Amino acid sequence: MKKAIFTLAIGDNPMYRAAIASFRYYADKVGADLIISDQLHFPISIEKPKYNASPAWTEKLRIGDLLREYDRVLYVDADVLITPNARNVFELYTDRETTYWFDEGVVQDRDNDIALVCDALGDVCWPKNNERFVYYNAGIILTSKESGLFKKTKLDDLQRICNEIMIKVILIICYIDTQ
């Protein structure tokens, strides 16, 4: 199985050096290639957004490109440190039809964010976990060719709505729609 760890490190943030060092160690440990994107490949025009928006968010679409070459991709934001004793997520999370995310909705109320999405897109069938809305953090994503998420998410769709809602929320909606 061909595995990759992918991150964005655009600019000269000192945090990136520490994070990338931890990613290199982890990639060697789990037998994955480390891919660092230091420039944008998916340009998007953000004009007067309603919310804090970053053109780097669309760079996560590169995961779909990487899945043409790799069986599994672990995306990790460059402000994350992977501890040297971290377990091998590729072995821990084996269902290749599932995209794995952290559901921050279980620890943080995201009702207002979800209401904004529904105002912009109409009624979205949003799942709940223990009576709280599911809200995946897009800072760490483990996915596989079989999951289908990045076959559904397209740059044109993100561009069309990027000034109305947060781009990372669209990734969440596309994921929910694949379930």
N, C-alpha and C. Protein backbone atom coordinates (compact mmCIF):
# COMPACT_ATOMS: atom_id res chain seq x y z
N MET A 1 0.86 -1.17 0.00
CA MET A 1 0.00 0.00 0.00
C MET A 1 0.90 1.23 0.00
N LYS A 2 0.60 2.14 -0.91
CA LYS A 2 1.37 3.37 -1.03
C LYS A 2 0.70 4.48 -0.22
N LYS A 3 1.47 5.07 0.73
CA LYS A 3 0.91 6.05 1.67
C LYS A 3 1.65 7.38 1.55
N ALA A 4 0.90 8.46 1.79
CA ALA A 4 1.49 9.80 1.80
C ALA A 4 0.98 10.59 3.00
N ILE A 5 1.85 11.44 3.50
CA ILE A 5 1.47 12.45 4.49
C ILE A 5 1.64 13.78 3.77
N PHE A 6 0.58 14.58 3.77
CA PHE A 6 0.55 15.82 3.00
C PHE A 6 0.28 16.98 3.92
N THR A 7 1.01 18.08 3.70
CA THR A 7 0.78 19.30 4.47
C THR A 7 0.99 20.52 3.60
N LEU A 8 0.44 21.64 4.07
CA LEU A 8 0.65 22.94 3.44
C LEU A 8 1.57 23.75 4.33
N ALA A 9 2.61 24.29 3.78
CA ALA A 9 3.53 25.14 4.53
C ALA A 9 3.87 26.33 3.65
N ILE A 10 2.91 27.21 3.48
CA ILE A 10 3.07 28.37 2.60
C ILE A 10 3.49 29.56 3.46
N GLY A 11 4.63 30.12 3.15
CA GLY A 11 5.16 31.23 3.94
C GLY A 11 6.27 30.76 4.87
N ASP A 12 6.72 31.65 5.73
CA ASP A 12 7.86 31.35 6.59
C ASP A 12 7.47 31.41 8.06
N ASN A 13 6.50 30.62 8.43
CA ASN A 13 6.07 30.55 9.82
C ASN A 13 7.03 29.63 10.57
N PRO A 14 7.66 30.10 11.65
CA PRO A 14 8.60 29.24 12.39
C PRO A 14 7.98 27.93 12.88
N MET A 15 6.66 27.93 13.12
CA MET A 15 5.97 26.72 13.56
C MET A 15 6.11 25.61 12.53
N TYR A 16 6.13 25.98 11.26
CA TYR A 16 6.21 24.98 10.20
C TYR A 16 7.45 24.11 10.34
N ARG A 17 8.57 24.71 10.71
CA ARG A 17 9.81 23.93 10.83
C ARG A 17 9.67 22.80 11.85
N ALA A 18 9.11 23.12 13.00
CA ALA A 18 8.92 22.09 14.03
C ALA A 18 7.92 21.04 13.57
N ALA A 19 6.82 21.50 12.99
CA ALA A 19 5.79 20.56 12.52
C ALA A 19 6.35 19.63 11.45
N ILE A 20 7.03 20.19 10.48
CA ILE A 20 7.56 19.38 9.38
C ILE A 20 8.60 18.38 9.89
N ALA A 21 9.40 18.77 10.85
CA ALA A 21 10.36 17.82 11.44
C ALA A 21 9.61 16.65 12.06
N SER A 22 8.50 16.93 12.76
CA SER A 22 7.72 15.83 13.35
C SER A 22 7.06 14.98 12.26
N PHE A 23 6.64 15.61 11.17
CA PHE A 23 6.03 14.86 10.06
C PHE A 23 7.06 13.94 9.39
N ARG A 24 8.29 14.45 9.22
CA ARG A 24 9.35 13.62 8.61
C ARG A 24 9.61 12.37 9.45
N TYR A 25 9.73 12.57 10.74
CA TYR A 25 9.97 11.44 11.64
C TYR A 25 8.82 10.44 11.53
N TYR A 26 7.59 10.93 11.57
CA TYR A 26 6.42 10.07 11.52
C TYR A 26 6.31 9.36 10.16
N ALA A 27 6.57 10.07 9.08
CA ALA A 27 6.51 9.46 7.75
C ALA A 27 7.50 8.31 7.64
N ASP A 28 8.72 8.50 8.15
CA ASP A 28 9.70 7.41 8.15
C ASP A 28 9.21 6.24 8.99
N LYS A 29 8.64 6.55 10.13
CA LYS A 29 8.17 5.53 11.06
C LYS A 29 7.06 4.66 10.46
N VAL A 30 6.14 5.29 9.70
CA VAL A 30 4.98 4.55 9.17
C VAL A 30 5.15 4.15 7.70
N GLY A 31 6.30 4.48 7.11
CA GLY A 31 6.55 4.10 5.72
C GLY A 31 5.74 4.88 4.70
N ALA A 32 5.63 6.19 4.93
CA ALA A 32 4.86 7.05 4.02
C ALA A 32 5.77 8.10 3.40
N ASP A 33 5.41 8.56 2.22
CA ASP A 33 6.09 9.70 1.60
C ASP A 33 5.56 10.97 2.24
N LEU A 34 6.43 11.95 2.47
CA LEU A 34 6.01 13.25 2.98
C LEU A 34 5.97 14.22 1.81
N ILE A 35 4.82 14.86 1.63
CA ILE A 35 4.63 15.83 0.55
C ILE A 35 4.28 17.17 1.18
N ILE A 36 5.11 18.16 0.91
CA ILE A 36 4.93 19.50 1.48
C ILE A 36 4.61 20.45 0.34
N SER A 37 3.46 21.09 0.43
CA SER A 37 3.07 22.07 -0.58
C SER A 37 3.43 23.45 -0.05
N ASP A 38 4.32 24.15 -0.79
CA ASP A 38 4.73 25.49 -0.36
C ASP A 38 4.21 26.57 -1.30
N GLN A 39 3.30 26.18 -2.18
CA GLN A 39 2.66 27.14 -3.07
C GLN A 39 1.25 26.65 -3.40
N LEU A 40 0.41 27.56 -3.87
CA LEU A 40 -0.97 27.21 -4.19
C LEU A 40 -1.07 26.58 -5.58
N HIS A 41 -1.81 25.49 -5.66
CA HIS A 41 -2.07 24.81 -6.93
C HIS A 41 -3.53 24.97 -7.36
N PHE A 42 -4.38 25.41 -6.44
CA PHE A 42 -5.80 25.56 -6.69
C PHE A 42 -6.21 27.00 -6.37
N PRO A 43 -5.90 27.91 -7.29
CA PRO A 43 -6.18 29.33 -7.01
C PRO A 43 -7.68 29.60 -6.92
N ILE A 44 -8.01 30.47 -5.98
CA ILE A 44 -9.40 30.84 -5.78
C ILE A 44 -9.44 32.34 -5.49
N SER A 45 -10.48 33.00 -5.95
CA SER A 45 -10.62 34.43 -5.74
C SER A 45 -11.57 34.67 -4.57
N ILE A 46 -11.03 35.22 -3.50
CA ILE A 46 -11.84 35.53 -2.32
C ILE A 46 -11.98 37.04 -2.24
N GLU A 47 -13.21 37.51 -2.41
CA GLU A 47 -13.49 38.94 -2.40
C GLU A 47 -14.56 39.26 -1.38
N LYS A 48 -14.20 40.07 -0.40
CA LYS A 48 -15.14 40.50 0.65
C LYS A 48 -15.89 39.32 1.27
N PRO A 49 -15.17 38.35 1.79
CA PRO A 49 -15.85 37.20 2.37
C PRO A 49 -16.59 37.58 3.66
N LYS A 50 -17.66 36.88 3.93
CA LYS A 50 -18.41 37.11 5.16
C LYS A 50 -17.64 36.57 6.38
N TYR A 51 -16.76 35.61 6.14
CA TYR A 51 -16.05 34.95 7.22
C TYR A 51 -14.57 34.96 6.92
N ASN A 52 -13.78 34.69 7.93
CA ASN A 52 -12.34 34.56 7.75
C ASN A 52 -12.09 33.48 6.70
N ALA A 53 -11.43 33.81 5.64
CA ALA A 53 -11.22 32.86 4.56
C ALA A 53 -9.76 32.86 4.15
N SER A 54 -9.29 31.72 3.72
CA SER A 54 -7.91 31.59 3.28
C SER A 54 -7.88 30.84 1.95
N PRO A 55 -7.11 31.34 0.98
CA PRO A 55 -6.98 30.60 -0.28
C PRO A 55 -6.28 29.26 -0.08
N ALA A 56 -5.60 29.09 1.04
CA ALA A 56 -4.94 27.81 1.31
C ALA A 56 -5.94 26.68 1.55
N TRP A 57 -7.16 27.02 1.96
CA TRP A 57 -8.15 25.97 2.21
C TRP A 57 -8.42 25.13 0.97
N THR A 58 -8.44 25.77 -0.19
CA THR A 58 -8.72 24.99 -1.41
C THR A 58 -7.56 24.06 -1.76
N GLU A 59 -6.40 24.31 -1.21
CA GLU A 59 -5.24 23.45 -1.49
C GLU A 59 -5.48 22.03 -0.99
N LYS A 60 -6.42 21.86 -0.11
CA LYS A 60 -6.74 20.50 0.35
C LYS A 60 -7.32 19.65 -0.78
N LEU A 61 -7.77 20.30 -1.85
CA LEU A 61 -8.22 19.53 -3.02
C LEU A 61 -7.08 18.72 -3.61
N ARG A 62 -5.86 19.10 -3.31
CA ARG A 62 -4.70 18.34 -3.81
C ARG A 62 -4.71 16.91 -3.27
N ILE A 63 -5.39 16.69 -2.16
CA ILE A 63 -5.52 15.33 -1.64
C ILE A 63 -6.12 14.42 -2.72
N GLY A 64 -7.12 14.92 -3.44
CA GLY A 64 -7.73 14.14 -4.52
C GLY A 64 -6.73 13.80 -5.61
N ASP A 65 -5.87 14.75 -5.96
CA ASP A 65 -4.82 14.47 -6.95
C ASP A 65 -3.85 13.42 -6.43
N LEU A 66 -3.48 13.54 -5.16
CA LEU A 66 -2.54 12.58 -4.57
C LEU A 66 -3.12 11.18 -4.53
N LEU A 67 -4.43 11.07 -4.40
CA LEU A 67 -5.06 9.75 -4.36
C LEU A 67 -5.03 9.04 -5.72
N ARG A 68 -4.63 9.73 -6.75
CA ARG A 68 -4.39 9.05 -8.04
C ARG A 68 -3.10 8.25 -7.99
N GLU A 69 -2.17 8.68 -7.15
CA GLU A 69 -0.86 8.02 -7.02
C GLU A 69 -0.74 7.18 -5.75
N TYR A 70 -1.42 7.60 -4.70
CA TYR A 70 -1.31 6.94 -3.40
C TYR A 70 -2.63 6.26 -3.03
N ASP A 71 -2.53 5.16 -2.30
CA ASP A 71 -3.72 4.46 -1.83
C ASP A 71 -4.39 5.20 -0.67
N ARG A 72 -3.55 5.78 0.21
CA ARG A 72 -4.07 6.50 1.37
C ARG A 72 -3.26 7.77 1.57
N VAL A 73 -3.96 8.82 2.02
CA VAL A 73 -3.30 10.10 2.29
C VAL A 73 -3.75 10.59 3.66
N LEU A 74 -2.76 10.98 4.46
CA LEU A 74 -3.01 11.64 5.73
C LEU A 74 -2.66 13.10 5.54
N TYR A 75 -3.68 13.98 5.62
CA TYR A 75 -3.44 15.42 5.56
C TYR A 75 -3.31 15.93 6.99
N VAL A 76 -2.28 16.76 7.23
CA VAL A 76 -2.08 17.34 8.55
C VAL A 76 -1.72 18.82 8.38
N ASP A 77 -2.48 19.71 9.07
CA ASP A 77 -2.14 21.13 9.05
C ASP A 77 -0.73 21.33 9.60
N ALA A 78 -0.05 22.36 9.11
CA ALA A 78 1.33 22.61 9.49
C ALA A 78 1.47 23.28 10.86
N ASP A 79 0.38 23.40 11.59
CA ASP A 79 0.48 23.89 12.97
C ASP A 79 0.24 22.76 13.97
N VAL A 80 0.36 21.53 13.49
CA VAL A 80 0.19 20.33 14.31
C VAL A 80 1.55 19.68 14.51
N LEU A 81 1.80 19.18 15.69
CA LEU A 81 3.00 18.40 15.96
C LEU A 81 2.57 16.95 16.18
N ILE A 82 3.26 16.02 15.53
CA ILE A 82 3.00 14.60 15.73
C ILE A 82 4.04 14.08 16.72
N THR A 83 3.57 13.56 17.83
CA THR A 83 4.48 13.07 18.86
C THR A 83 5.28 11.86 18.35
N PRO A 84 6.52 11.73 18.76
CA PRO A 84 7.34 10.60 18.28
C PRO A 84 6.76 9.23 18.61
N ASN A 85 5.95 9.13 19.66
CA ASN A 85 5.37 7.82 20.00
C ASN A 85 3.96 7.64 19.46
N ALA A 86 3.55 8.47 18.50
CA ALA A 86 2.21 8.34 17.89
C ALA A 86 2.08 6.98 17.21
N ARG A 87 0.91 6.41 17.37
CA ARG A 87 0.64 5.13 16.72
C ARG A 87 0.44 5.33 15.21
N ASN A 88 0.52 4.25 14.48
CA ASN A 88 0.39 4.28 13.02
C ASN A 88 -1.10 4.37 12.65
N VAL A 89 -1.55 5.56 12.23
CA VAL A 89 -2.97 5.74 11.90
C VAL A 89 -3.39 4.91 10.70
N PHE A 90 -2.45 4.61 9.82
CA PHE A 90 -2.79 3.79 8.66
C PHE A 90 -3.17 2.37 9.08
N GLU A 91 -2.59 1.90 10.19
CA GLU A 91 -2.93 0.58 10.73
C GLU A 91 -4.12 0.63 11.69
N LEU A 92 -4.27 1.74 12.40
CA LEU A 92 -5.36 1.87 13.37
C LEU A 92 -6.72 2.03 12.69
N TYR A 93 -6.76 2.78 11.61
CA TYR A 93 -8.01 3.11 10.92
C TYR A 93 -7.97 2.46 9.55
N THR A 94 -8.52 1.27 9.47
CA THR A 94 -8.32 0.41 8.31
C THR A 94 -9.44 0.44 7.27
N ASP A 95 -10.61 0.99 7.63
CA ASP A 95 -11.72 1.01 6.68
C ASP A 95 -11.43 2.04 5.60
N ARG A 96 -11.12 1.57 4.42
CA ARG A 96 -10.68 2.46 3.34
C ARG A 96 -11.85 3.16 2.65
N GLU A 97 -13.06 2.81 2.97
CA GLU A 97 -14.21 3.53 2.42
C GLU A 97 -14.63 4.69 3.33
N THR A 98 -13.97 4.83 4.44
CA THR A 98 -14.27 5.89 5.40
C THR A 98 -13.18 6.94 5.36
N THR A 99 -13.57 8.20 5.40
CA THR A 99 -12.63 9.29 5.60
C THR A 99 -12.70 9.63 7.08
N TYR A 100 -11.55 9.65 7.73
CA TYR A 100 -11.49 9.88 9.17
C TYR A 100 -11.16 11.35 9.46
N TRP A 101 -11.93 11.95 10.35
CA TRP A 101 -11.76 13.33 10.78
C TRP A 101 -11.96 13.38 12.28
N PHE A 102 -11.57 14.48 12.89
CA PHE A 102 -11.90 14.73 14.28
C PHE A 102 -13.22 15.48 14.32
N ASP A 103 -14.18 14.93 15.03
CA ASP A 103 -15.49 15.59 15.18
C ASP A 103 -15.40 16.54 16.36
N GLU A 104 -15.11 17.81 16.06
CA GLU A 104 -14.99 18.78 17.15
C GLU A 104 -16.36 19.21 17.68
N GLY A 105 -17.41 18.82 16.99
CA GLY A 105 -18.76 19.12 17.46
C GLY A 105 -19.08 18.47 18.80
N VAL A 106 -18.37 17.41 19.16
CA VAL A 106 -18.62 16.76 20.45
C VAL A 106 -18.02 17.56 21.60
N VAL A 107 -17.10 18.46 21.31
CA VAL A 107 -16.46 19.24 22.38
C VAL A 107 -16.72 20.74 22.26
N GLN A 108 -17.21 21.18 21.09
CA GLN A 108 -17.46 22.60 20.89
C GLN A 108 -18.78 22.78 20.15
N ASP A 109 -19.62 23.67 20.64
CA ASP A 109 -20.91 23.93 20.03
C ASP A 109 -20.72 24.62 18.68
N ARG A 110 -21.20 24.02 17.62
CA ARG A 110 -21.09 24.58 16.27
C ARG A 110 -22.45 24.89 15.67
N ASP A 111 -23.47 25.03 16.50
CA ASP A 111 -24.83 25.29 16.01
C ASP A 111 -24.89 26.56 15.16
N ASN A 112 -24.22 27.63 15.59
CA ASN A 112 -24.26 28.88 14.83
C ASN A 112 -23.62 28.72 13.45
N ASP A 113 -22.50 28.02 13.38
CA ASP A 113 -21.85 27.78 12.08
C ASP A 113 -22.77 26.99 11.15
N ILE A 114 -23.41 26.00 11.69
CA ILE A 114 -24.30 25.15 10.89
C ILE A 114 -25.52 25.95 10.43
N ALA A 115 -26.03 26.82 11.28
CA ALA A 115 -27.16 27.68 10.89
C ALA A 115 -26.76 28.59 9.73
N LEU A 116 -25.54 29.12 9.75
CA LEU A 116 -25.06 29.97 8.65
C LEU A 116 -24.97 29.19 7.35
N VAL A 117 -24.50 27.95 7.45
CA VAL A 117 -24.41 27.10 6.25
C VAL A 117 -25.80 26.85 5.69
N CYS A 118 -26.74 26.52 6.54
CA CYS A 118 -28.11 26.25 6.08
C CYS A 118 -28.75 27.52 5.50
N ASP A 119 -28.43 28.68 6.06
CA ASP A 119 -28.93 29.94 5.49
C ASP A 119 -28.39 30.15 4.08
N ALA A 120 -27.15 29.77 3.86
CA ALA A 120 -26.51 29.97 2.55
C ALA A 120 -26.91 28.90 1.54
N LEU A 121 -27.07 27.66 1.98
CA LEU A 121 -27.27 26.55 1.06
C LEU A 121 -28.66 25.94 1.10
N GLY A 122 -29.46 26.35 2.04
CA GLY A 122 -30.75 25.70 2.20
C GLY A 122 -30.62 24.58 3.22
N ASP A 123 -31.65 23.79 3.35
CA ASP A 123 -31.68 22.74 4.35
C ASP A 123 -30.62 21.68 4.04
N VAL A 124 -29.73 21.48 4.97
CA VAL A 124 -28.69 20.46 4.86
C VAL A 124 -29.00 19.41 5.93
N CYS A 125 -29.06 18.16 5.54
CA CYS A 125 -29.33 17.08 6.49
C CYS A 125 -28.05 16.83 7.29
N TRP A 126 -27.94 17.51 8.43
CA TRP A 126 -26.71 17.50 9.22
C TRP A 126 -26.83 16.44 10.31
N PRO A 127 -25.91 15.49 10.36
CA PRO A 127 -26.00 14.43 11.37
C PRO A 127 -25.66 14.94 12.77
N LYS A 128 -26.10 14.18 13.76
CA LYS A 128 -25.80 14.50 15.15
C LYS A 128 -25.09 13.31 15.80
N ASN A 129 -24.30 13.65 16.81
CA ASN A 129 -23.62 12.65 17.63
C ASN A 129 -23.89 13.04 19.08
N ASN A 130 -24.60 12.20 19.81
CA ASN A 130 -24.97 12.51 21.20
C ASN A 130 -25.69 13.86 21.30
N GLU A 131 -26.66 14.05 20.42
CA GLU A 131 -27.51 15.26 20.43
C GLU A 131 -26.77 16.54 20.05
N ARG A 132 -25.54 16.44 19.59
CA ARG A 132 -24.79 17.63 19.12
C ARG A 132 -24.48 17.43 17.65
N PHE A 133 -24.47 18.55 16.91
CA PHE A 133 -24.16 18.46 15.49
C PHE A 133 -22.73 18.01 15.26
N VAL A 134 -22.56 17.13 14.30
CA VAL A 134 -21.24 16.70 13.87
C VAL A 134 -20.58 17.87 13.13
N TYR A 135 -19.35 18.16 13.47
CA TYR A 135 -18.62 19.25 12.80
C TYR A 135 -17.16 18.84 12.73
N TYR A 136 -16.77 18.37 11.56
CA TYR A 136 -15.41 17.83 11.40
C TYR A 136 -14.39 18.94 11.25
N ASN A 137 -13.28 18.76 11.94
CA ASN A 137 -12.13 19.67 11.82
C ASN A 137 -11.32 19.20 10.62
N ALA A 138 -11.08 20.10 9.68
CA ALA A 138 -10.36 19.73 8.45
C ALA A 138 -8.85 19.86 8.59
N GLY A 139 -8.35 19.96 9.81
CA GLY A 139 -6.91 20.09 10.04
C GLY A 139 -6.16 18.78 10.00
N ILE A 140 -6.87 17.68 10.19
CA ILE A 140 -6.29 16.35 10.08
C ILE A 140 -7.33 15.47 9.40
N ILE A 141 -6.95 14.90 8.27
CA ILE A 141 -7.87 14.07 7.49
C ILE A 141 -7.10 12.82 7.04
N LEU A 142 -7.66 11.66 7.28
CA LEU A 142 -7.11 10.41 6.75
C LEU A 142 -8.13 9.87 5.77
N THR A 143 -7.70 9.70 4.53
CA THR A 143 -8.64 9.24 3.50
C THR A 143 -7.95 8.26 2.56
N SER A 144 -8.76 7.61 1.74
CA SER A 144 -8.29 6.59 0.81
C SER A 144 -8.98 6.78 -0.54
N LYS A 145 -8.44 6.14 -1.55
CA LYS A 145 -9.05 6.21 -2.89
C LYS A 145 -10.53 5.80 -2.83
N GLU A 146 -10.82 4.80 -2.03
CA GLU A 146 -12.16 4.23 -2.00
C GLU A 146 -13.21 5.12 -1.36
N SER A 147 -12.82 6.12 -0.61
CA SER A 147 -13.80 6.92 0.14
C SER A 147 -14.68 7.81 -0.74
N GLY A 148 -14.15 8.31 -1.84
CA GLY A 148 -14.95 9.09 -2.77
C GLY A 148 -15.10 10.57 -2.45
N LEU A 149 -14.61 11.03 -1.30
CA LEU A 149 -14.80 12.42 -0.91
C LEU A 149 -14.24 13.38 -1.95
N PHE A 150 -13.03 13.15 -2.40
CA PHE A 150 -12.39 14.12 -3.29
C PHE A 150 -12.76 13.91 -4.75
N LYS A 151 -13.65 12.96 -5.03
CA LYS A 151 -14.26 12.87 -6.35
C LYS A 151 -15.46 13.81 -6.41
N LYS A 152 -16.01 14.14 -5.24
CA LYS A 152 -17.23 14.95 -5.15
C LYS A 152 -16.92 16.44 -4.99
N THR A 153 -15.80 16.77 -4.35
CA THR A 153 -15.46 18.16 -4.05
C THR A 153 -14.71 18.76 -5.22
N LYS A 154 -15.22 19.86 -5.76
CA LYS A 154 -14.64 20.49 -6.95
C LYS A 154 -14.33 21.96 -6.69
N LEU A 155 -13.27 22.47 -7.33
CA LEU A 155 -12.85 23.85 -7.17
C LEU A 155 -13.95 24.82 -7.61
N ASP A 156 -14.63 24.52 -8.71
CA ASP A 156 -15.69 25.42 -9.19
C ASP A 156 -16.79 25.61 -8.14
N ASP A 157 -17.15 24.53 -7.45
CA ASP A 157 -18.17 24.63 -6.40
C ASP A 157 -17.68 25.51 -5.26
N LEU A 158 -16.42 25.32 -4.89
CA LEU A 158 -15.85 26.12 -3.80
C LEU A 158 -15.78 27.59 -4.19
N GLN A 159 -15.40 27.86 -5.43
CA GLN A 159 -15.29 29.25 -5.88
C GLN A 159 -16.65 29.93 -5.86
N ARG A 160 -17.68 29.20 -6.26
CA ARG A 160 -19.02 29.77 -6.35
C ARG A 160 -19.53 30.26 -5.00
N ILE A 161 -19.14 29.59 -3.94
CA ILE A 161 -19.71 29.95 -2.64
C ILE A 161 -18.68 30.43 -1.62
N CYS A 162 -17.42 30.60 -2.02
CA CYS A 162 -16.36 30.90 -1.05
C CYS A 162 -16.55 32.20 -0.30
N ASN A 163 -17.25 33.14 -0.85
CA ASN A 163 -17.45 34.40 -0.15
C ASN A 163 -18.67 34.38 0.75
N GLU A 164 -19.46 33.32 0.68
CA GLU A 164 -20.67 33.21 1.49
C GLU A 164 -20.46 32.37 2.74
N ILE A 165 -19.75 31.26 2.61
CA ILE A 165 -19.49 30.41 3.77
C ILE A 165 -18.05 29.92 3.71
N MET A 166 -17.60 29.34 4.78
CA MET A 166 -16.22 28.88 4.85
C MET A 166 -16.02 27.67 3.95
N ILE A 167 -14.93 27.67 3.21
CA ILE A 167 -14.62 26.59 2.27
C ILE A 167 -14.50 25.26 3.00
N LYS A 168 -13.88 25.27 4.18
CA LYS A 168 -13.71 23.99 4.87
C LYS A 168 -15.04 23.37 5.24
N VAL A 169 -16.08 24.18 5.41
CA VAL A 169 -17.40 23.64 5.70
C VAL A 169 -17.93 22.87 4.49
N ILE A 170 -17.60 23.32 3.29
CA ILE A 170 -18.04 22.61 2.09
C ILE A 170 -17.42 21.21 2.04
N LEU A 171 -16.17 21.08 2.46
CA LEU A 171 -15.56 19.75 2.54
C LEU A 171 -16.37 18.86 3.47
N ILE A 172 -16.80 19.42 4.59
CA ILE A 172 -17.60 18.66 5.55
C ILE A 172 -18.92 18.23 4.92
N ILE A 173 -19.59 19.16 4.24
CA ILE A 173 -20.88 18.84 3.62
C ILE A 173 -20.72 17.76 2.56
N CYS A 174 -19.67 17.86 1.75
CA CYS A 174 -19.43 16.83 0.73
C CYS A 174 -19.18 15.47 1.38
N TYR A 175 -18.47 15.49 2.50
CA TYR A 175 -18.22 14.24 3.21
C TYR A 175 -19.52 13.65 3.74
N ILE A 176 -20.33 14.49 4.37
CA ILE A 176 -21.61 14.02 4.91
C ILE A 176 -22.46 13.43 3.79
N ASP A 177 -22.41 14.02 2.62
CA ASP A 177 -23.20 13.56 1.49
C ASP A 177 -22.72 12.22 0.94
N THR A 178 -21.47 11.82 1.25
CA THR A 178 -20.96 10.53 0.77
C THR A 178 -21.34 9.40 1.70
N GLN A 179 -21.87 9.73 2.86
CA GLN A 179 -22.20 8.70 3.88
C GLN A 179 -23.51 8.02 3.56
